[in-house]
Protein backbone atom coordinates (compact mmCIF):
# COMPACT_ATOMS: atom_id res chain seq x y z
CA UNK A 1 0.00 0.00 0.00
CA UNK A 2 1.50 3.34 -1.11
CA UNK A 3 -0.10 6.52 0.20
CA UNK A 4 0.54 9.97 -1.22
CA UNK A 5 0.60 12.73 1.39
CA UNK A 6 -0.13 16.39 0.61
CA UNK A 7 0.46 19.19 3.12
CA UNK A 8 -0.76 22.74 2.34
CA UNK A 9 -2.12 23.99 5.67
CA UNK A 10 -0.09 27.20 5.75
CA UNK A 11 3.08 28.36 3.98
CA UNK A 12 4.94 25.10 3.30
CA UNK A 13 3.96 22.86 0.40
CA UNK A 14 4.92 19.25 1.11
CA UNK A 15 4.41 16.05 -0.87
CA UNK A 16 5.58 12.55 0.12
CA UNK A 17 4.88 8.87 -0.50
CA UNK A 18 4.62 6.40 2.37
CA UNK A 19 4.86 2.69 1.62
CA UNK A 20 3.57 0.14 4.12
CA UNK A 21 6.73 -1.96 3.89
CA UNK A 22 9.43 0.56 2.98
CA UNK A 23 8.34 3.65 4.94
CA UNK A 24 8.86 7.06 3.37
CA UNK A 25 10.16 6.36 -0.12
CA UNK A 26 10.25 9.96 -1.40
CA UNK A 27 9.44 13.44 -0.14
CA UNK A 28 9.75 17.02 -1.33
CA UNK A 29 9.06 20.39 0.28
CA UNK A 30 8.73 23.90 -1.14
CA UNK A 31 9.13 26.68 1.41
CA UNK A 32 7.49 30.08 0.98
CA UNK A 33 9.76 31.94 3.40
CA UNK A 34 11.09 34.33 0.76
CA UNK A 35 7.56 35.16 -0.39
CA UNK A 36 6.31 36.14 3.06
CA UNK A 37 9.48 37.68 4.56
CA UNK A 38 8.79 41.21 3.27
CA UNK A 39 5.45 41.19 5.12
CA UNK A 40 6.74 39.84 8.44
CA UNK A 41 4.24 36.96 8.41
CA UNK A 42 2.19 34.68 6.20
CA UNK A 43 -0.09 36.36 3.65
CA UNK A 44 -2.90 33.80 3.09
CA UNK A 45 -3.68 34.71 -0.53
CA UNK A 46 -0.02 34.51 -1.55
CA UNK A 47 0.30 31.17 0.23
CA UNK A 48 -2.68 29.71 -1.64
CA UNK A 49 -1.45 30.89 -5.02
CA UNK A 50 2.02 29.44 -4.47
CA UNK A 51 0.56 26.07 -3.45
CA UNK A 52 -1.30 26.00 -6.78
CA UNK A 53 1.96 26.61 -8.63
CA UNK A 54 4.03 24.10 -6.64
CA UNK A 55 1.83 21.03 -6.09
CA UNK A 56 2.00 19.39 -9.51
CA UNK A 57 5.80 19.80 -9.92
CA UNK A 58 6.38 18.46 -6.39
CA UNK A 59 4.17 15.45 -7.11
CA UNK A 60 6.15 14.67 -10.24
CA UNK A 61 9.41 15.02 -8.32
CA UNK A 62 8.46 12.52 -5.63
CA UNK A 63 7.13 10.07 -8.22
CA UNK A 64 10.43 10.31 -10.11
CA UNK A 65 12.48 9.94 -6.92
CA UNK A 66 10.46 6.88 -5.91
CA UNK A 67 10.62 5.43 -9.45
CA UNK A 68 6.82 5.24 -9.43
CA UNK A 69 3.88 6.38 -11.52
CA UNK A 70 0.44 7.53 -10.43
CA UNK A 71 -0.85 4.01 -11.02
CA UNK A 72 1.32 2.73 -8.16
CA UNK A 73 -0.59 4.84 -5.62
CA UNK A 74 -3.24 3.07 -3.56
CA UNK A 75 -4.46 6.03 -1.50
CA UNK A 76 -4.13 9.80 -1.12
CA UNK A 77 -4.01 11.78 2.12
CA UNK A 78 -4.20 15.55 2.36
CA UNK A 79 -4.37 18.05 5.20
CA UNK A 80 -8.03 18.95 5.75
CA UNK A 81 -7.43 21.22 8.76
CA UNK A 82 -6.73 23.12 10.84
CA UNK A 83 -5.05 25.84 8.81
CA UNK A 84 -5.62 28.70 6.37
CA UNK A 85 -8.92 28.16 4.50
CA UNK A 86 -7.57 28.89 1.02
CA UNK A 87 -4.37 26.93 1.48
CA UNK A 88 -6.27 23.92 2.82
CA UNK A 89 -8.69 24.01 -0.12
CA UNK A 90 -5.84 23.90 -2.65
CA UNK A 91 -4.43 20.66 -1.21
CA UNK A 92 -7.84 19.12 -0.58
CA UNK A 93 -9.12 19.84 -4.09
CA UNK A 94 -5.91 18.57 -5.66
CA UNK A 95 -5.79 15.39 -3.57
CA UNK A 96 -9.47 14.58 -3.73
CA UNK A 97 -9.68 15.18 -7.50
CA UNK A 98 -6.58 13.09 -8.17
CA UNK A 99 -7.99 10.25 -6.09
CA UNK A 100 -11.26 10.41 -7.99
CA UNK A 101 -9.43 10.32 -11.33
CA UNK A 102 -7.35 7.33 -10.22
CA UNK A 103 -10.35 5.60 -8.59
CA UNK A 104 -8.51 5.17 -5.28
CA UNK A 105 -9.58 6.19 -1.74
CA UNK A 106 -8.60 9.50 -0.18
CA UNK A 107 -8.59 10.80 3.37
CA UNK A 108 -8.51 14.23 4.99
CA UNK A 109 -5.87 14.34 7.75
CA UNK A 110 -5.78 16.50 10.87
CA UNK A 111 -2.62 18.61 10.66
CA UNK A 112 -1.78 18.23 14.35
CA UNK A 113 -2.31 14.47 14.24
CA UNK A 114 0.29 14.47 11.49
CA UNK A 115 2.74 16.27 13.79
CA UNK A 116 1.83 14.00 16.70
CA UNK A 117 2.60 10.86 14.70
CA UNK A 118 5.79 12.17 13.04
CA UNK A 119 8.08 10.51 15.65
CA UNK A 120 6.72 7.13 14.48
CA UNK A 121 8.70 7.67 11.28
CA UNK A 122 11.90 7.23 13.30
CA UNK A 123 13.49 3.86 14.05
CA UNK A 124 12.62 4.01 17.76
CA UNK A 125 8.86 4.39 18.06
CA UNK A 126 6.96 5.56 21.16
CA UNK A 127 4.93 3.03 23.12
CA UNK A 128 1.29 3.65 24.03
CA UNK A 129 0.11 5.32 26.16
CA UNK A 130 2.27 8.43 25.98
CA UNK A 131 2.01 12.18 26.42
CA UNK A 132 2.50 14.54 23.51
CA UNK A 133 3.63 18.14 23.66
CA UNK A 134 2.54 19.78 20.41
CA UNK A 135 4.37 23.06 19.84
CA UNK A 136 3.88 24.88 16.56
CA UNK A 137 3.05 28.28 15.13
CA UNK A 138 -0.64 27.90 15.86
CA UNK A 139 -0.87 25.30 18.63
CA UNK A 140 0.61 24.55 22.04
CA UNK A 141 -1.05 21.53 23.64
CA UNK A 142 -0.33 18.73 26.09
CA UNK A 143 -2.17 15.62 24.93
CA UNK A 144 -2.68 12.18 26.44
CA UNK A 145 -2.48 9.56 23.68
CA UNK A 146 -3.96 6.13 24.36
CA UNK A 147 -3.81 4.97 20.73
CA UNK A 148 -3.79 6.43 17.25
CA UNK A 149 -6.96 8.50 17.14
CA UNK A 150 -7.62 8.36 20.89
CA UNK A 151 -6.56 11.77 22.19
CA UNK A 152 -7.39 13.80 25.29
CA UNK A 153 -6.14 17.37 25.59
CA UNK A 154 -4.84 17.95 29.12
CA UNK A 155 -3.47 21.45 28.61
CA UNK A 156 -3.87 24.16 25.99
CA UNK A 157 -2.60 27.68 25.45
CA UNK A 158 -5.00 30.40 26.54
CA UNK A 159 -3.58 32.94 24.08
CA UNK A 160 -0.50 32.88 21.85
CA UNK A 161 1.02 29.60 20.75
CA UNK A 162 4.76 29.18 21.29
CA UNK A 163 5.52 29.69 17.61
CA UNK A 164 3.53 32.92 17.57
CA UNK A 165 5.46 34.18 20.60
CA UNK A 166 8.76 33.45 18.84
CA UNK A 167 7.63 35.33 15.72
CA UNK A 168 6.45 38.38 17.68
CA UNK A 169 9.59 38.61 19.82
CA UNK A 170 11.71 38.24 16.69
CA UNK A 171 9.94 41.27 15.20
CA UNK A 172 10.62 43.23 18.39
CA UNK A 173 14.32 42.50 17.94
CA UNK A 174 14.26 43.28 14.22
CA UNK A 175 15.09 39.70 13.24
CA UNK A 176 12.47 39.21 10.56
CA UNK A 177 10.42 36.13 9.66
CA UNK A 178 10.27 33.27 10.54
CA UNK A 179 11.08 34.08 14.13
CA UNK A 180 11.83 30.71 15.69
CA UNK A 181 15.01 29.92 13.81
CA UNK A 182 16.17 33.56 13.99
CA UNK A 183 15.75 33.70 17.78
CA UNK A 184 17.52 30.36 18.26
CA UNK A 185 20.44 31.35 16.06
CA UNK A 186 20.91 34.65 17.90
CA UNK A 187 20.47 33.02 21.33
CA UNK A 188 23.53 30.80 20.81
CA UNK A 189 25.81 33.76 21.60
CA UNK A 190 23.60 35.11 24.40
CA UNK A 191 23.46 34.70 28.17
CA UNK A 192 20.16 33.06 29.17
CA UNK A 193 20.52 34.44 32.70
CA UNK A 194 21.09 38.03 31.64
CA UNK A 195 17.45 39.08 32.06
CA UNK A 196 14.79 37.79 34.44
CA UNK A 197 11.62 36.99 32.52
CA UNK A 198 8.39 35.36 33.79
CA UNK A 199 7.50 31.68 33.47
CA UNK A 200 3.75 32.26 32.99
CA UNK A 201 1.18 30.21 34.95
CA UNK A 202 3.79 27.86 36.44
CA UNK A 203 2.92 29.07 39.96
CA UNK A 204 -0.69 27.88 39.72
CA UNK A 205 -2.21 24.40 39.36
CA UNK A 206 -3.31 22.97 36.05
CA UNK A 207 -1.69 22.27 32.71
CA UNK A 208 -2.91 25.20 30.60
CA UNK A 209 -0.32 27.60 29.23
CA UNK A 210 -0.07 31.30 28.44
CA UNK A 211 2.62 33.26 26.64
CA UNK A 212 1.10 36.73 26.21
CA UNK A 213 2.55 37.91 29.53
CA UNK A 214 6.02 36.72 28.57
CA UNK A 215 5.70 38.45 25.22
CA UNK A 216 4.68 41.69 26.96
CA UNK A 217 7.60 41.39 29.38
CA UNK A 218 10.00 41.18 26.44
CA UNK A 219 8.35 44.18 24.77
CA UNK A 220 8.82 46.22 27.96
CA UNK A 221 12.39 45.00 28.27
CA UNK A 222 13.19 46.07 24.71
CA UNK A 223 11.56 49.47 25.28
CA UNK A 224 13.49 50.04 28.52
CA UNK A 225 16.86 48.84 27.25
CA UNK A 226 18.82 51.38 25.27
CA UNK A 227 20.84 51.03 23.25
CA UNK A 228 20.36 47.44 22.19
CA UNK A 229 23.65 46.29 20.73
CA UNK A 230 24.33 42.88 19.23
CA UNK A 231 25.25 41.28 22.56
CA UNK A 232 22.23 42.71 24.36
CA UNK A 233 19.94 41.43 21.60
CA UNK A 234 21.54 37.99 21.92
CA UNK A 235 21.04 38.07 25.71
CA UNK A 236 17.36 38.99 25.31
CA UNK A 237 16.88 36.19 22.77
CA UNK A 238 18.57 33.63 25.02
CA UNK A 239 16.63 34.75 28.11
CA UNK A 240 13.34 34.59 26.22
CA UNK A 241 14.12 31.18 24.73
CA UNK A 242 15.05 29.82 28.16
CA UNK A 243 11.81 31.17 29.65
CA UNK A 244 9.84 29.34 26.96
CA UNK A 245 11.70 26.07 27.55
CA UNK A 246 11.36 26.34 31.34
CA UNK A 247 7.62 27.02 31.10
CA UNK A 248 7.03 24.05 28.83
CA UNK A 249 9.25 21.77 30.93
CA UNK A 250 7.51 22.67 34.19
CA UNK A 251 4.06 22.02 32.73
CA UNK A 252 5.09 18.77 31.04
CA UNK A 253 6.79 17.53 34.22
CA UNK A 254 3.53 18.16 36.06
CA UNK A 255 1.57 16.25 33.42
CA UNK A 256 3.95 13.30 33.60
CA UNK A 257 3.60 13.12 37.38
CA UNK A 258 -0.20 13.44 37.33
CA UNK A 259 -0.72 10.80 34.64
CA UNK A 260 2.15 8.52 35.72
CA UNK A 261 3.04 8.10 32.05
CA UNK A 262 6.71 7.58 31.31
CA UNK A 263 6.94 8.34 27.58
CA UNK A 264 6.70 11.72 25.90
CA UNK A 265 6.83 12.90 22.33
CA UNK A 266 7.52 16.53 21.44
CA UNK A 267 6.41 17.51 17.94
CA UNK A 268 5.61 20.53 15.80
CA UNK A 269 7.87 23.22 14.37
CA UNK A 270 9.22 24.39 17.74
CA UNK A 271 10.36 20.83 18.55
CA UNK A 272 13.36 21.52 16.30
CA UNK A 273 14.65 24.03 18.88
CA UNK A 274 18.05 22.87 20.11
CA UNK A 275 17.73 24.25 23.66
CA UNK A 276 14.34 22.57 24.11
CA UNK A 277 15.59 19.23 22.78
CA UNK A 278 18.70 19.23 24.94
CA UNK A 279 17.05 20.22 28.20
CA UNK A 280 14.02 17.97 27.78
CA UNK A 281 16.28 14.98 27.19
CA UNK A 282 18.38 15.77 30.26
CA UNK A 283 15.85 17.11 32.75
CA UNK A 284 12.60 15.19 32.28
CA UNK A 285 11.90 11.93 34.08
CA UNK A 286 10.59 10.23 30.94
CA UNK A 287 11.69 8.70 27.69
CA UNK A 288 11.48 11.59 25.24
CA UNK A 289 10.93 11.19 21.49
CA UNK A 290 11.41 13.88 18.86
CA UNK A 291 10.78 13.73 15.11
CA UNK A 292 13.78 13.93 12.83
CA UNK A 293 14.65 17.64 12.46
CA UNK A 294 13.34 17.87 8.89
CA UNK A 295 10.02 16.36 10.03
CA UNK A 296 9.43 18.94 12.78
CA UNK A 297 8.11 21.61 10.45
CA UNK A 298 5.15 21.07 8.12
CA UNK A 299 5.81 18.26 5.64
CA UNK A 300 4.06 15.74 3.42
CA UNK A 301 5.62 12.69 5.10
CA UNK A 302 3.67 13.09 8.33
CA UNK A 303 0.42 13.50 6.37
CA UNK A 304 1.15 10.41 4.27
CA UNK A 305 1.86 8.36 7.40
CA UNK A 306 -1.22 9.55 9.31
CA UNK A 307 -3.39 9.09 6.23
CA UNK A 308 -2.03 5.58 5.68
CA UNK A 309 -3.28 4.52 9.12
CA UNK A 310 -6.69 6.12 8.60
CA UNK A 311 -7.08 4.35 5.27
CA UNK A 312 -6.01 1.07 6.84
CA UNK A 313 -8.82 1.49 9.39
CA UNK A 314 -11.25 1.68 6.49
CA UNK A 315 -11.95 5.42 6.58
CA UNK A 316 -12.40 7.30 3.28
CA UNK A 317 -13.83 10.62 2.12
CA UNK A 318 -17.10 11.09 0.26
CA UNK A 319 -17.08 12.89 -3.08
CA UNK A 320 -17.59 16.35 -1.55
CA UNK A 321 -14.40 18.30 -0.81
CA UNK A 322 -14.50 19.44 2.81
CA UNK A 323 -11.91 21.29 4.89
CA UNK A 324 -11.96 22.43 8.52
CA UNK A 325 -9.83 25.54 9.23
CA UNK A 326 -10.78 25.06 12.90
CA UNK A 327 -10.76 21.42 13.95
CA UNK A 328 -10.37 20.28 17.59
CA UNK A 329 -8.01 17.34 17.86
CA UNK A 330 -10.34 15.48 20.20
CA UNK A 331 -13.01 15.27 17.48
CA UNK A 332 -10.94 12.80 15.49
CA UNK A 333 -12.29 9.30 15.00
CA UNK A 334 -10.99 6.71 17.41
CA UNK A 335 -9.83 3.27 16.35
CA UNK A 336 -13.27 1.77 16.82
CA UNK A 337 -14.79 4.38 14.53
CA UNK A 338 -17.20 5.56 17.23
CA UNK A 339 -16.55 9.21 16.47
CA UNK A 340 -15.94 11.08 13.23
CA UNK A 341 -15.49 14.54 11.76
CA UNK A 342 -18.80 14.74 9.99
CA UNK A 343 -17.20 14.12 6.58
CA UNK A 344 -15.33 10.90 7.35
CA UNK A 345 -16.97 7.52 6.88
CA UNK A 346 -15.99 3.88 6.74
CA UNK A 347 -15.87 2.33 3.32
CA UNK A 348 -17.86 -0.85 2.85
CA UNK A 349 -15.93 -4.05 2.10
CA UNK A 350 -16.15 -5.23 -1.49
């Protein structure tokens, strides 16, 4: 069984093929960083238009790399949500139409489930049950995972996601877009103890998170610090990055103790952060799994893998093309098929 995965939820266009016996046999990614950099963030209309331009060439590239043709595909998975409405519709229309033309099943995949399952593409796979820390540009969640499709959100951000906080602080420091990699690069030469910044909501019970107060603290720090030379900027970046890592570590440690679960995966774009990876591995009382660095950001491989498992369970999409820009992770179908998105249904055996 060979499943094509298509990811177009935001500003990265990813295509990959997952084979049931060989794993990921080919993948390609087109970044839109240069397109959106002048605007300091993602422009939805520009993102959608570039996905239209890039999808067909990327598909041909992965087919060539895999030495396959369209006729070798047995299923197609595409990101159905959450994400930018126009960008999602490009991938969904492309994937669903291609599946219809090839007379093969297709499946709409939850973007965050793709991130959550990305560590399963590594040689050492997590064991159920485990906790997942999902940290991306739009989401920061602590999730209890009993099985593929069986998710319970234990903690969520009340305001900005971690990735959003990185982007906004990067703009404060004049670092441009995207902010996560720029902050991390600058922080290498900084002193993480130079400035005292808050670790929001760590002094109260519960597993929810908040980063707006930390972002405001950095804004005030930048306004009160003059002049900001290269070393001062590096110190601010390092102090901010350490505050983020400490906040996440404290909350995850609490979740591990409360659930008595001993395995954790950390996934999403921010999981590529070196400081976070290093300190989580050393300081958490759990076995910690990360995706391969190139699978942390949005990619087609994670969508192909997640879609492969949904198709194996017998789920397919009806003819209508449906996307969900807002889609709670807990609404996903469980392994018994007792819940569904409203567009997902089980195919009947032939």
